[in-house]
Amino acid sequence: MANQFFTNFDEPVGKRLCDHDDIIDVTLYFADNTQERIELAWSENSEDNNEWQSHHLEVKKPLDKSNLDQIKPGLAEKMKKIEQKDRFLNRKILRIYVGKVE
């Protein structure tokens, strides 16, 4: 799904996220048309790669139930229904982690 959108450099977003650990901010868009920009922690060791960021692409794996406990109940229910309909787990989920490890 992420590859349906393109970066400013005409590169598919999903490919960019898998190839580089360089996200500097995330903008959340809400149903009420408001938005919130969140700046992510960045290590100072490189201008091009954030050593505090990592990603993992899960292919054809079930949803992580511990993550469902951390999101809104309504969205968790929708995700559970999608999983029940998708018997073959025909999906890819890209997880991106950003955080300073001490």
PDB file of N, CA and C in Angstrom:
ATOM      1  N   MET A   1       0.825  -1.190   0.000  1.00  0.00           N
ATOM      2  CA  MET A   1       0.000   0.000   0.000  1.00  0.00           C
ATOM      3  C   MET A   1       0.875   1.262   0.000  1.00  0.00           C
ATOM      4  N   ALA A   2       1.967   1.231   0.760  1.00  0.00           N
ATOM      5  CA  ALA A   2       2.841   2.408   0.827  1.00  0.00           C
ATOM      6  C   ALA A   2       3.463   2.722  -0.519  1.00  0.00           C
ATOM      7  N   ASN A   3       3.644   1.724  -1.372  1.00  0.00           N
ATOM      8  CA  ASN A   3       4.254   1.963  -2.680  1.00  0.00           C
ATOM      9  C   ASN A   3       3.306   2.642  -3.664  1.00  0.00           C
ATOM     10  N   GLN A   4       2.068   2.873  -3.265  1.00  0.00           N
ATOM     11  CA  GLN A   4       1.134   3.624  -4.099  1.00  0.00           C
ATOM     12  C   GLN A   4       1.406   5.124  -4.004  1.00  0.00           C
ATOM     13  N   PHE A   5       2.226   5.530  -3.050  1.00  0.00           N
ATOM     14  CA  PHE A   5       2.562   6.929  -2.840  1.00  0.00           C
ATOM     15  C   PHE A   5       4.042   7.126  -3.113  1.00  0.00           C
ATOM     16  N   PHE A   6       4.413   8.350  -3.481  1.00  0.00           N
ATOM     17  CA  PHE A   6       5.790   8.618  -3.876  1.00  0.00           C
ATOM     18  C   PHE A   6       6.401   9.743  -3.049  1.00  0.00           C
ATOM     19  N   THR A   7       7.717   9.668  -2.858  1.00  0.00           N
ATOM     20  CA  THR A   7       8.447  10.707  -2.139  1.00  0.00           C
ATOM     21  C   THR A   7       8.627  11.915  -3.043  1.00  0.00           C
ATOM     22  N   ASN A   8       9.253  12.959  -2.518  1.00  0.00           N
ATOM     23  CA  ASN A   8       9.558  14.143  -3.321  1.00  0.00           C
ATOM     24  C   ASN A   8      10.525  13.826  -4.455  1.00  0.00           C
ATOM     25  N   PHE A   9      11.198  12.668  -4.363  1.00  0.00           N
ATOM     26  CA  PHE A   9      12.173  12.264  -5.372  1.00  0.00           C
ATOM     27  C   PHE A   9      11.600  11.220  -6.324  1.00  0.00           C
ATOM     28  N   ASP A  10      10.273  11.081  -6.348  1.00  0.00           N
ATOM     29  CA  ASP A  10       9.567  10.136  -7.221  1.00  0.00           C
ATOM     30  C   ASP A  10       9.910   8.678  -6.929  1.00  0.00           C
ATOM     31  N   GLU A  11      10.219   8.377  -5.694  1.00  0.00           N
ATOM     32  CA  GLU A  11      10.549   7.019  -5.267  1.00  0.00           C
ATOM     33  C   GLU A  11       9.362   6.485  -4.468  1.00  0.00           C
ATOM     34  N   PRO A  12       8.937   5.235  -4.685  1.00  0.00           N
ATOM     35  CA  PRO A  12       7.824   4.693  -3.899  1.00  0.00           C
ATOM     36  C   PRO A  12       8.139   4.747  -2.399  1.00  0.00           C
ATOM     37  N   VAL A  13       7.174   5.202  -1.601  1.00  0.00           N
ATOM     38  CA  VAL A  13       7.391   5.395  -0.168  1.00  0.00           C
ATOM     39  C   VAL A  13       7.784   4.087   0.515  1.00  0.00           C
ATOM     40  N   GLY A  14       7.118   2.977   0.191  1.00  0.00           N
ATOM     41  CA  GLY A  14       7.448   1.704   0.821  1.00  0.00           C
ATOM     42  C   GLY A  14       8.885   1.292   0.564  1.00  0.00           C
ATOM     43  N   LYS A  15       9.332   1.471  -0.675  1.00  0.00           N
ATOM     44  CA  LYS A  15      10.723   1.132  -1.012  1.00  0.00           C
ATOM     45  C   LYS A  15      11.675   2.030  -0.236  1.00  0.00           C
ATOM     46  N   ARG A  16      11.372   3.303  -0.168  1.00  0.00           N
ATOM     47  CA  ARG A  16      12.229   4.247   0.549  1.00  0.00           C
ATOM     48  C   ARG A  16      12.342   3.861   2.033  1.00  0.00           C
ATOM     49  N   LEU A  17      11.219   3.521   2.640  1.00  0.00           N
ATOM     50  CA  LEU A  17      11.228   3.155   4.058  1.00  0.00           C
ATOM     51  C   LEU A  17      12.038   1.887   4.309  1.00  0.00           C
ATOM     52  N   CYS A  18      12.025   0.959   3.359  1.00  0.00           N
ATOM     53  CA  CYS A  18      12.779  -0.293   3.522  1.00  0.00           C
ATOM     54  C   CYS A  18      14.268  -0.114   3.233  1.00  0.00           C
ATOM     55  N   ASP A  19      14.615   0.844   2.396  1.00  0.00           N
ATOM     56  CA  ASP A  19      16.010   1.017   1.990  1.00  0.00           C
ATOM     57  C   ASP A  19      16.803   1.954   2.884  1.00  0.00           C
ATOM     58  N   HIS A  20      16.130   2.848   3.597  1.00  0.00           N
ATOM     59  CA  HIS A  20      16.837   3.878   4.356  1.00  0.00           C
ATOM     60  C   HIS A  20      16.236   4.048   5.753  1.00  0.00           C
ATOM     61  N   ASP A  21      17.073   4.338   6.706  1.00  0.00           N
ATOM     62  CA  ASP A  21      16.633   4.660   8.069  1.00  0.00           C
ATOM     63  C   ASP A  21      16.852   6.152   8.279  1.00  0.00           C
ATOM     64  N   ASP A  22      16.020   6.961   7.629  1.00  0.00           N
ATOM     65  CA  ASP A  22      16.260   8.406   7.689  1.00  0.00           C
ATOM     66  C   ASP A  22      14.989   9.236   7.830  1.00  0.00           C
ATOM     67  N   ILE A  23      14.005   8.721   8.531  1.00  0.00           N
ATOM     68  CA  ILE A  23      12.775   9.496   8.750  1.00  0.00           C
ATOM     69  C   ILE A  23      13.073  10.551   9.811  1.00  0.00           C
ATOM     70  N   ILE A  24      12.768  11.807   9.496  1.00  0.00           N
ATOM     71  CA  ILE A  24      13.029  12.875  10.456  1.00  0.00           C
ATOM     72  C   ILE A  24      11.764  13.351  11.166  1.00  0.00           C
ATOM     73  N   ASP A  25      10.610  13.158  10.522  1.00  0.00           N
ATOM     74  CA  ASP A  25       9.359  13.523  11.176  1.00  0.00           C
ATOM     75  C   ASP A  25       8.209  12.737  10.567  1.00  0.00           C
ATOM     76  N   VAL A  26       7.101  12.727  11.297  1.00  0.00           N
ATOM     77  CA  VAL A  26       5.882  12.052  10.864  1.00  0.00           C
ATOM     78  C   VAL A  26       4.739  13.034  11.060  1.00  0.00           C
ATOM     79  N   THR A  27       3.872  13.142  10.072  1.00  0.00           N
ATOM     80  CA  THR A  27       2.685  13.976  10.216  1.00  0.00           C
ATOM     81  C   THR A  27       1.473  13.058  10.293  1.00  0.00           C
ATOM     82  N   LEU A  28       0.718  13.191  11.368  1.00  0.00           N
ATOM     83  CA  LEU A  28      -0.503  12.415  11.557  1.00  0.00           C
ATOM     84  C   LEU A  28      -1.684  13.252  11.079  1.00  0.00           C
ATOM     85  N   TYR A  29      -2.542  12.670  10.251  1.00  0.00           N
ATOM     86  CA  TYR A  29      -3.728  13.343   9.747  1.00  0.00           C
ATOM     87  C   TYR A  29      -4.945  12.679  10.380  1.00  0.00           C
ATOM     88  N   PHE A  30      -5.821  13.493  10.973  1.00  0.00           N
ATOM     89  CA  PHE A  30      -6.962  12.972  11.699  1.00  0.00           C
ATOM     90  C   PHE A  30      -8.250  13.179  10.917  1.00  0.00           C
ATOM     91  N   ALA A  31      -9.280  12.412  11.278  1.00  0.00           N
ATOM     92  CA  ALA A  31     -10.560  12.454  10.582  1.00  0.00           C
ATOM     93  C   ALA A  31     -11.207  13.835  10.637  1.00  0.00           C
ATOM     94  N   ASP A  32     -10.906  14.632  11.662  1.00  0.00           N
ATOM     95  CA  ASP A  32     -11.509  15.968  11.778  1.00  0.00           C
ATOM     96  C   ASP A  32     -10.708  17.021  11.004  1.00  0.00           C
ATOM     97  N   ASN A  33      -9.835  16.563  10.097  1.00  0.00           N
ATOM     98  CA  ASN A  33      -9.008  17.420   9.228  1.00  0.00           C
ATOM     99  C   ASN A  33      -7.917  18.181   9.959  1.00  0.00           C
ATOM    100  N   THR A  34      -7.635  17.815  11.204  1.00  0.00           N
ATOM    101  CA  THR A  34      -6.492  18.410  11.891  1.00  0.00           C
ATOM    102  C   THR A  34      -5.278  17.516  11.634  1.00  0.00           C
ATOM    103  N   GLN A  35      -4.124  18.040  11.924  1.00  0.00           N
ATOM    104  CA  GLN A  35      -2.905  17.262  11.760  1.00  0.00           C
ATOM    105  C   GLN A  35      -1.908  17.615  12.853  1.00  0.00           C
ATOM    106  N   GLU A  36      -0.982  16.687  13.095  1.00  0.00           N
ATOM    107  CA  GLU A  36       0.045  16.904  14.105  1.00  0.00           C
ATOM    108  C   GLU A  36       1.367  16.385  13.548  1.00  0.00           C
ATOM    109  N   ARG A  37       2.385  17.229  13.607  1.00  0.00           N
ATOM    110  CA  ARG A  37       3.721  16.845  13.134  1.00  0.00           C
ATOM    111  C   ARG A  37       4.572  16.464  14.332  1.00  0.00           C
ATOM    112  N   ILE A  38       5.194  15.288  14.256  1.00  0.00           N
ATOM    113  CA  ILE A  38       6.027  14.786  15.342  1.00  0.00           C
ATOM    114  C   ILE A  38       7.450  14.628  14.822  1.00  0.00           C
ATOM    115  N   GLU A  39       8.400  15.324  15.457  1.00  0.00           N
ATOM    116  CA  GLU A  39       9.807  15.180  15.090  1.00  0.00           C
ATOM    117  C   GLU A  39      10.369  13.976  15.822  1.00  0.00           C
ATOM    118  N   LEU A  40      11.147  13.159  15.123  1.00  0.00           N
ATOM    119  CA  LEU A  40      11.696  11.937  15.693  1.00  0.00           C
ATOM    120  C   LEU A  40      13.120  12.150  16.183  1.00  0.00           C
ATOM    121  N   ALA A  41      13.493  11.355  17.164  1.00  0.00           N
ATOM    122  CA  ALA A  41      14.861  11.425  17.701  1.00  0.00           C
ATOM    123  C   ALA A  41      15.853  11.059  16.593  1.00  0.00           C
ATOM    124  N   TRP A  42      16.951  11.792  16.520  1.00  0.00           N
ATOM    125  CA  TRP A  42      17.962  11.574  15.480  1.00  0.00           C
ATOM    126  C   TRP A  42      19.345  11.524  16.128  1.00  0.00           C
ATOM    127  N   SER A  43      20.104  10.486  15.819  1.00  0.00           N
ATOM    128  CA  SER A  43      21.473  10.407  16.326  1.00  0.00           C
ATOM    129  C   SER A  43      22.327  11.378  15.527  1.00  0.00           C
ATOM    130  N   GLU A  44      23.309  11.944  16.146  1.00  0.00           N
ATOM    131  CA  GLU A  44      24.151  12.963  15.497  1.00  0.00           C
ATOM    132  C   GLU A  44      25.348  12.364  14.751  1.00  0.00           C
ATOM    133  N   ASN A  45      25.420  11.034  14.664  1.00  0.00           N
ATOM    134  CA  ASN A  45      26.579  10.392  14.049  1.00  0.00           C
ATOM    135  C   ASN A  45      26.592  10.459  12.528  1.00  0.00           C
ATOM    136  N   SER A  46      25.460  10.728  11.905  1.00  0.00           N
ATOM    137  CA  SER A  46      25.379  10.766  10.443  1.00  0.00           C
ATOM    138  C   SER A  46      24.254  11.690  10.020  1.00  0.00           C
ATOM    139  N   GLU A  47      24.444  12.375   8.898  1.00  0.00           N
ATOM    140  CA  GLU A  47      23.379  13.224   8.351  1.00  0.00           C
ATOM    141  C   GLU A  47      22.399  12.403   7.517  1.00  0.00           C
ATOM    142  N   ASP A  48      22.830  11.213   7.065  1.00  0.00           N
ATOM    143  CA  ASP A  48      22.029  10.422   6.133  1.00  0.00           C
ATOM    144  C   ASP A  48      21.363   9.200   6.735  1.00  0.00           C
ATOM    145  N   ASN A  49      21.841   8.734   7.872  1.00  0.00           N
ATOM    146  CA  ASN A  49      21.318   7.511   8.458  1.00  0.00           C
ATOM    147  C   ASN A  49      21.167   7.691   9.968  1.00  0.00           C
ATOM    148  N   ASN A  50      19.991   7.381  10.473  1.00  0.00           N
ATOM    149  CA  ASN A  50      19.716   7.515  11.899  1.00  0.00           C
ATOM    150  C   ASN A  50      19.945   6.170  12.582  1.00  0.00           C
ATOM    151  N   GLU A  51      20.998   6.069  13.369  1.00  0.00           N
ATOM    152  CA  GLU A  51      21.298   4.791  14.018  1.00  0.00           C
ATOM    153  C   GLU A  51      20.253   4.426  15.068  1.00  0.00           C
ATOM    154  N   TRP A  52      19.404   5.346  15.460  1.00  0.00           N
ATOM    155  CA  TRP A  52      18.333   5.062  16.418  1.00  0.00           C
ATOM    156  C   TRP A  52      17.078   4.546  15.728  1.00  0.00           C
ATOM    157  N   GLN A  53      17.087   4.497  14.403  1.00  0.00           N
ATOM    158  CA  GLN A  53      15.921   4.036  13.661  1.00  0.00           C
ATOM    159  C   GLN A  53      16.210   2.671  13.061  1.00  0.00           C
ATOM    160  N   SER A  54      15.238   1.798  13.123  1.00  0.00           N
ATOM    161  CA  SER A  54      15.359   0.499  12.475  1.00  0.00           C
ATOM    162  C   SER A  54      13.993   0.129  11.911  1.00  0.00           C
ATOM    163  N   HIS A  55      13.988  -0.821  11.018  1.00  0.00           N
ATOM    164  CA  HIS A  55      12.723  -1.261  10.447  1.00  0.00           C
ATOM    165  C   HIS A  55      12.725  -2.772  10.290  1.00  0.00           C
ATOM    166  N   HIS A  56      11.548  -3.315  10.173  1.00  0.00           N
ATOM    167  CA  HIS A  56      11.391  -4.758   9.996  1.00  0.00           C
ATOM    168  C   HIS A  56      10.170  -4.975   9.111  1.00  0.00           C
ATOM    169  N   LEU A  57      10.344  -5.711   8.030  1.00  0.00           N
ATOM    170  CA  LEU A  57       9.244  -6.009   7.124  1.00  0.00           C
ATOM    171  C   LEU A  57       8.725  -7.407   7.437  1.00  0.00           C
ATOM    172  N   GLU A  58       7.468  -7.490   7.847  1.00  0.00           N
ATOM    173  CA  GLU A  58       6.846  -8.774   8.141  1.00  0.00           C
ATOM    174  C   GLU A  58       5.991  -9.174   6.951  1.00  0.00           C
ATOM    175  N   VAL A  59       6.256 -10.342   6.423  1.00  0.00           N
ATOM    176  CA  VAL A  59       5.527 -10.827   5.253  1.00  0.00           C
ATOM    177  C   VAL A  59       4.753 -12.078   5.643  1.00  0.00           C
ATOM    178  N   LYS A  60       3.458 -12.023   5.377  1.00  0.00           N
ATOM    179  CA  LYS A  60       2.561 -13.157   5.634  1.00  0.00           C
ATOM    180  C   LYS A  60       2.649 -13.657   7.069  1.00  0.00           C
ATOM    181  N   LYS A  61       2.628 -12.721   8.013  1.00  0.00           N
ATOM    182  CA  LYS A  61       2.631 -13.071   9.431  1.00  0.00           C
ATOM    183  C   LYS A  61       1.372 -12.518  10.075  1.00  0.00           C
ATOM    184  N   PRO A  62       0.892 -13.169  11.131  1.00  0.00           N
ATOM    185  CA  PRO A  62      -0.296 -12.642  11.824  1.00  0.00           C
ATOM    186  C   PRO A  62       0.027 -11.326  12.528  1.00  0.00           C
ATOM    187  N   LEU A  63      -1.028 -10.574  12.812  1.00  0.00           N
ATOM    188  CA  LEU A  63      -0.855  -9.324  13.536  1.00  0.00           C
ATOM    189  C   LEU A  63      -0.320  -9.607  14.927  1.00  0.00           C
ATOM    190  N   ASP A  64       0.522  -8.746  15.414  1.00  0.00           N
ATOM    191  CA  ASP A  64       1.084  -8.874  16.754  1.00  0.00           C
ATOM    192  C   ASP A  64       0.020  -8.430  17.753  1.00  0.00           C
ATOM    193  N   LYS A  65      -0.498  -9.368  18.521  1.00  0.00           N
ATOM    194  CA  LYS A  65      -1.599  -9.069  19.446  1.00  0.00           C
ATOM    195  C   LYS A  65      -1.212  -8.056  20.515  1.00  0.00           C
ATOM    196  N   SER A  66       0.059  -7.999  20.897  1.00  0.00           N
ATOM    197  CA  SER A  66       0.459  -7.019  21.916  1.00  0.00           C
ATOM    198  C   SER A  66       0.329  -5.602  21.363  1.00  0.00           C
ATOM    199  N   ASN A  67       0.500  -5.428  20.043  1.00  0.00           N
ATOM    200  CA  ASN A  67       0.311  -4.107  19.445  1.00  0.00           C
ATOM    201  C   ASN A  67      -1.156  -3.716  19.410  1.00  0.00           C
ATOM    202  N   LEU A  68      -2.029  -4.678  19.231  1.00  0.00           N
ATOM    203  CA  LEU A  68      -3.462  -4.382  19.202  1.00  0.00           C
ATOM    204  C   LEU A  68      -3.939  -3.842  20.542  1.00  0.00           C
ATOM    205  N   ASP A  69      -3.308  -4.264  21.618  1.00  0.00           N
ATOM    206  CA  ASP A  69      -3.691  -3.785  22.945  1.00  0.00           C
ATOM    207  C   ASP A  69      -3.327  -2.316  23.155  1.00  0.00           C
ATOM    208  N   GLN A  70      -2.444  -1.775  22.315  1.00  0.00           N
ATOM    209  CA  GLN A  70      -1.961  -0.406  22.490  1.00  0.00           C
ATOM    210  C   GLN A  70      -2.679   0.608  21.609  1.00  0.00           C
ATOM    211  N   ILE A  71      -3.622   0.158  20.774  1.00  0.00           N
ATOM    212  CA  ILE A  71      -4.332   1.091  19.893  1.00  0.00           C
ATOM    213  C   ILE A  71      -5.804   1.156  20.276  1.00  0.00           C
ATOM    214  N   LYS A  72      -6.508   2.102  19.681  1.00  0.00           N
ATOM    215  CA  LYS A  72      -7.923   2.297  19.997  1.00  0.00           C
ATOM    216  C   LYS A  72      -8.699   1.006  19.785  1.00  0.00           C
ATOM    217  N   PRO A  73      -9.621   0.689  20.694  1.00  0.00           N
ATOM    218  CA  PRO A  73     -10.389  -0.558  20.567  1.00  0.00           C
ATOM    219  C   PRO A  73     -11.116  -0.690  19.234  1.00  0.00           C
ATOM    220  N   GLY A  74     -11.690   0.384  18.717  1.00  0.00           N
ATOM    221  CA  GLY A  74     -12.405   0.317  17.442  1.00  0.00           C
ATOM    222  C   GLY A  74     -11.492  -0.078  16.289  1.00  0.00           C
ATOM    223  N   LEU A  75     -10.305   0.507  16.243  1.00  0.00           N
ATOM    224  CA  LEU A  75      -9.345   0.181  15.188  1.00  0.00           C
ATOM    225  C   LEU A  75      -8.830  -1.247  15.364  1.00  0.00           C
ATOM    226  N   ALA A  76      -8.598  -1.652  16.596  1.00  0.00           N
ATOM    227  CA  ALA A  76      -8.137  -3.024  16.858  1.00  0.00           C
ATOM    228  C   ALA A  76      -9.169  -4.037  16.355  1.00  0.00           C
ATOM    229  N   GLU A  77     -10.453  -3.750  16.579  1.00  0.00           N
ATOM    230  CA  GLU A  77     -11.513  -4.652  16.107  1.00  0.00           C
ATOM    231  C   GLU A  77     -11.526  -4.729  14.584  1.00  0.00           C
ATOM    232  N   LYS A  78     -11.346  -3.584  13.922  1.00  0.00           N
ATOM    233  CA  LYS A  78     -11.303  -3.580  12.455  1.00  0.00           C
ATOM    234  C   LYS A  78     -10.135  -4.413  11.950  1.00  0.00           C
ATOM    235  N   MET A  79      -8.986  -4.278  12.602  1.00  0.00           N
ATOM    236  CA  MET A  79      -7.807  -5.028  12.186  1.00  0.00           C
ATOM    237  C   MET A  79      -8.008  -6.526  12.405  1.00  0.00           C
ATOM    238  N   LYS A  80      -8.677  -6.900  13.487  1.00  0.00           N
ATOM    239  CA  LYS A  80      -8.961  -8.314  13.750  1.00  0.00           C
ATOM    240  C   LYS A  80      -9.882  -8.883  12.673  1.00  0.00           C
ATOM    241  N   LYS A  81     -10.904  -8.105  12.258  1.00  0.00           N
ATOM    242  CA  LYS A  81     -11.825  -8.566  11.220  1.00  0.00           C
ATOM    243  C   LYS A  81     -11.099  -8.745   9.892  1.00  0.00           C
ATOM    244  N   ILE A  82     -10.200  -7.808   9.563  1.00  0.00           N
ATOM    245  CA  ILE A  82      -9.427  -7.930   8.332  1.00  0.00           C
ATOM    246  C   ILE A  82      -8.596  -9.210   8.369  1.00  0.00           C
ATOM    247  N   GLU A  83      -7.992  -9.490   9.506  1.00  0.00           N
ATOM    248  CA  GLU A  83      -7.166 -10.693   9.630  1.00  0.00           C
ATOM    249  C   GLU A  83      -8.010 -11.955   9.475  1.00  0.00           C
ATOM    250  N   GLN A  84      -9.229 -11.956  10.022  1.00  0.00           N
ATOM    251  CA  GLN A  84     -10.091 -13.136   9.903  1.00  0.00           C
ATOM    252  C   GLN A  84     -10.465 -13.408   8.448  1.00  0.00           C
ATOM    253  N   LYS A  85     -10.642 -12.360   7.654  1.00  0.00           N
ATOM    254  CA  LYS A  85     -11.003 -12.525   6.243  1.00  0.00           C
ATOM    255  C   LYS A  85      -9.803 -12.938   5.398  1.00  0.00           C
ATOM    256  N   ASP A  86      -8.611 -12.655   5.874  1.00  0.00           N
ATOM    257  CA  ASP A  86      -7.391 -12.907   5.109  1.00  0.00           C
ATOM    258  C   ASP A  86      -6.739 -14.201   5.611  1.00  0.00           C
ATOM    259  N   ARG A  87      -7.336 -15.334   5.254  1.00  0.00           N
ATOM    260  CA  ARG A  87      -6.871 -16.629   5.760  1.00  0.00           C
ATOM    261  C   ARG A  87      -5.424 -16.929   5.397  1.00  0.00           C
ATOM    262  N   PHE A  88      -4.965 -16.395   4.271  1.00  0.00           N
ATOM    263  CA  PHE A  88      -3.627 -16.726   3.788  1.00  0.00           C
ATOM    264  C   PHE A  88      -2.582 -15.701   4.203  1.00  0.00           C
ATOM    265  N   LEU A  89      -2.994 -14.722   5.020  1.00  0.00           N
ATOM    266  CA  LEU A  89      -2.076 -13.684   5.494  1.00  0.00           C
ATOM    267  C   LEU A  89      -1.323 -13.056   4.333  1.00  0.00           C
ATOM    268  N   ASN A  90      -2.054 -12.745   3.288  1.00  0.00           N
ATOM    269  CA  ASN A  90      -1.467 -12.184   2.077  1.00  0.00           C
ATOM    270  C   ASN A  90      -1.227 -10.684   2.257  1.00  0.00           C
ATOM    271  N   ARG A  91      -0.213 -10.358   3.050  1.00  0.00           N
ATOM    272  CA  ARG A  91       0.056  -8.954   3.342  1.00  0.00           C
ATOM    273  C   ARG A  91       1.503  -8.763   3.764  1.00  0.00           C
ATOM    274  N   LYS A  92       1.884  -7.508   3.743  1.00  0.00           N
ATOM    275  CA  LYS A  92       3.199  -7.103   4.239  1.00  0.00           C
ATOM    276  C   LYS A  92       2.972  -5.961   5.217  1.00  0.00           C
ATOM    277  N   ILE A  93       3.599  -6.043   6.382  1.00  0.00           N
ATOM    278  CA  ILE A  93       3.491  -4.982   7.382  1.00  0.00           C
ATOM    279  C   ILE A  93       4.897  -4.482   7.664  1.00  0.00           C
ATOM    280  N   LEU A  94       5.109  -3.197   7.430  1.00  0.00           N
ATOM    281  CA  LEU A  94       6.405  -2.595   7.701  1.00  0.00           C
ATOM    282  C   LEU A  94       6.330  -1.906   9.055  1.00  0.00           C
ATOM    283  N   ARG A  95       7.179  -2.338   9.980  1.00  0.00           N
ATOM    284  CA  ARG A  95       7.248  -1.720  11.297  1.00  0.00           C
ATOM    285  C   ARG A  95       8.523  -0.893  11.350  1.00  0.00           C
ATOM    286  N   ILE A  96       8.373   0.339  11.789  1.00  0.00           N
ATOM    287  CA  ILE A  96       9.523   1.234  11.911  1.00  0.00           C
ATOM    288  C   ILE A  96       9.639   1.637  13.372  1.00  0.00           C
ATOM    289  N   TYR A  97      10.834   1.483  13.914  1.00  0.00           N
ATOM    290  CA  TYR A  97      11.106   1.812  15.301  1.00  0.00           C
ATOM    291  C   TYR A  97      12.085   2.972  15.345  1.00  0.00           C
ATOM    292  N   VAL A  98      11.792   3.959  16.157  1.00  0.00           N
ATOM    293  CA  VAL A  98      12.715   5.076  16.353  1.00  0.00           C
ATOM    294  C   VAL A  98      12.814   5.313  17.847  1.00  0.00           C
ATOM    295  N   GLY A  99      14.005   5.231  18.352  1.00  0.00           N
ATOM    296  CA  GLY A  99      14.185   5.469  19.778  1.00  0.00           C
ATOM    297  C   GLY A  99      15.626   5.337  20.183  1.00  0.00           C
ATOM    298  N   LYS A 100      16.006   6.141  21.098  1.00  0.00           N
ATOM    299  CA  LYS A 100      17.367   6.122  21.611  1.00  0.00           C
ATOM    300  C   LYS A 100      17.524   4.929  22.548  1.00  0.00           C
ATOM    301  N   VAL A 101      18.479   4.077  22.253  1.00  0.00           N
ATOM    302  CA  VAL A 101      18.750   2.918  23.081  1.00  0.00           C
ATOM    303  C   VAL A 101      19.914   3.254  23.990  1.00  0.00           C
ATOM    304  N   GLU A 102      19.726   3.091  25.277  1.00  0.00           N
ATOM    305  CA  GLU A 102      20.806   3.425  26.226  1.00  0.00           C
ATOM    306  C   GLU A 102      21.364   2.195  26.868  1.00  0.00           C
TER     307      GLU A 102
END
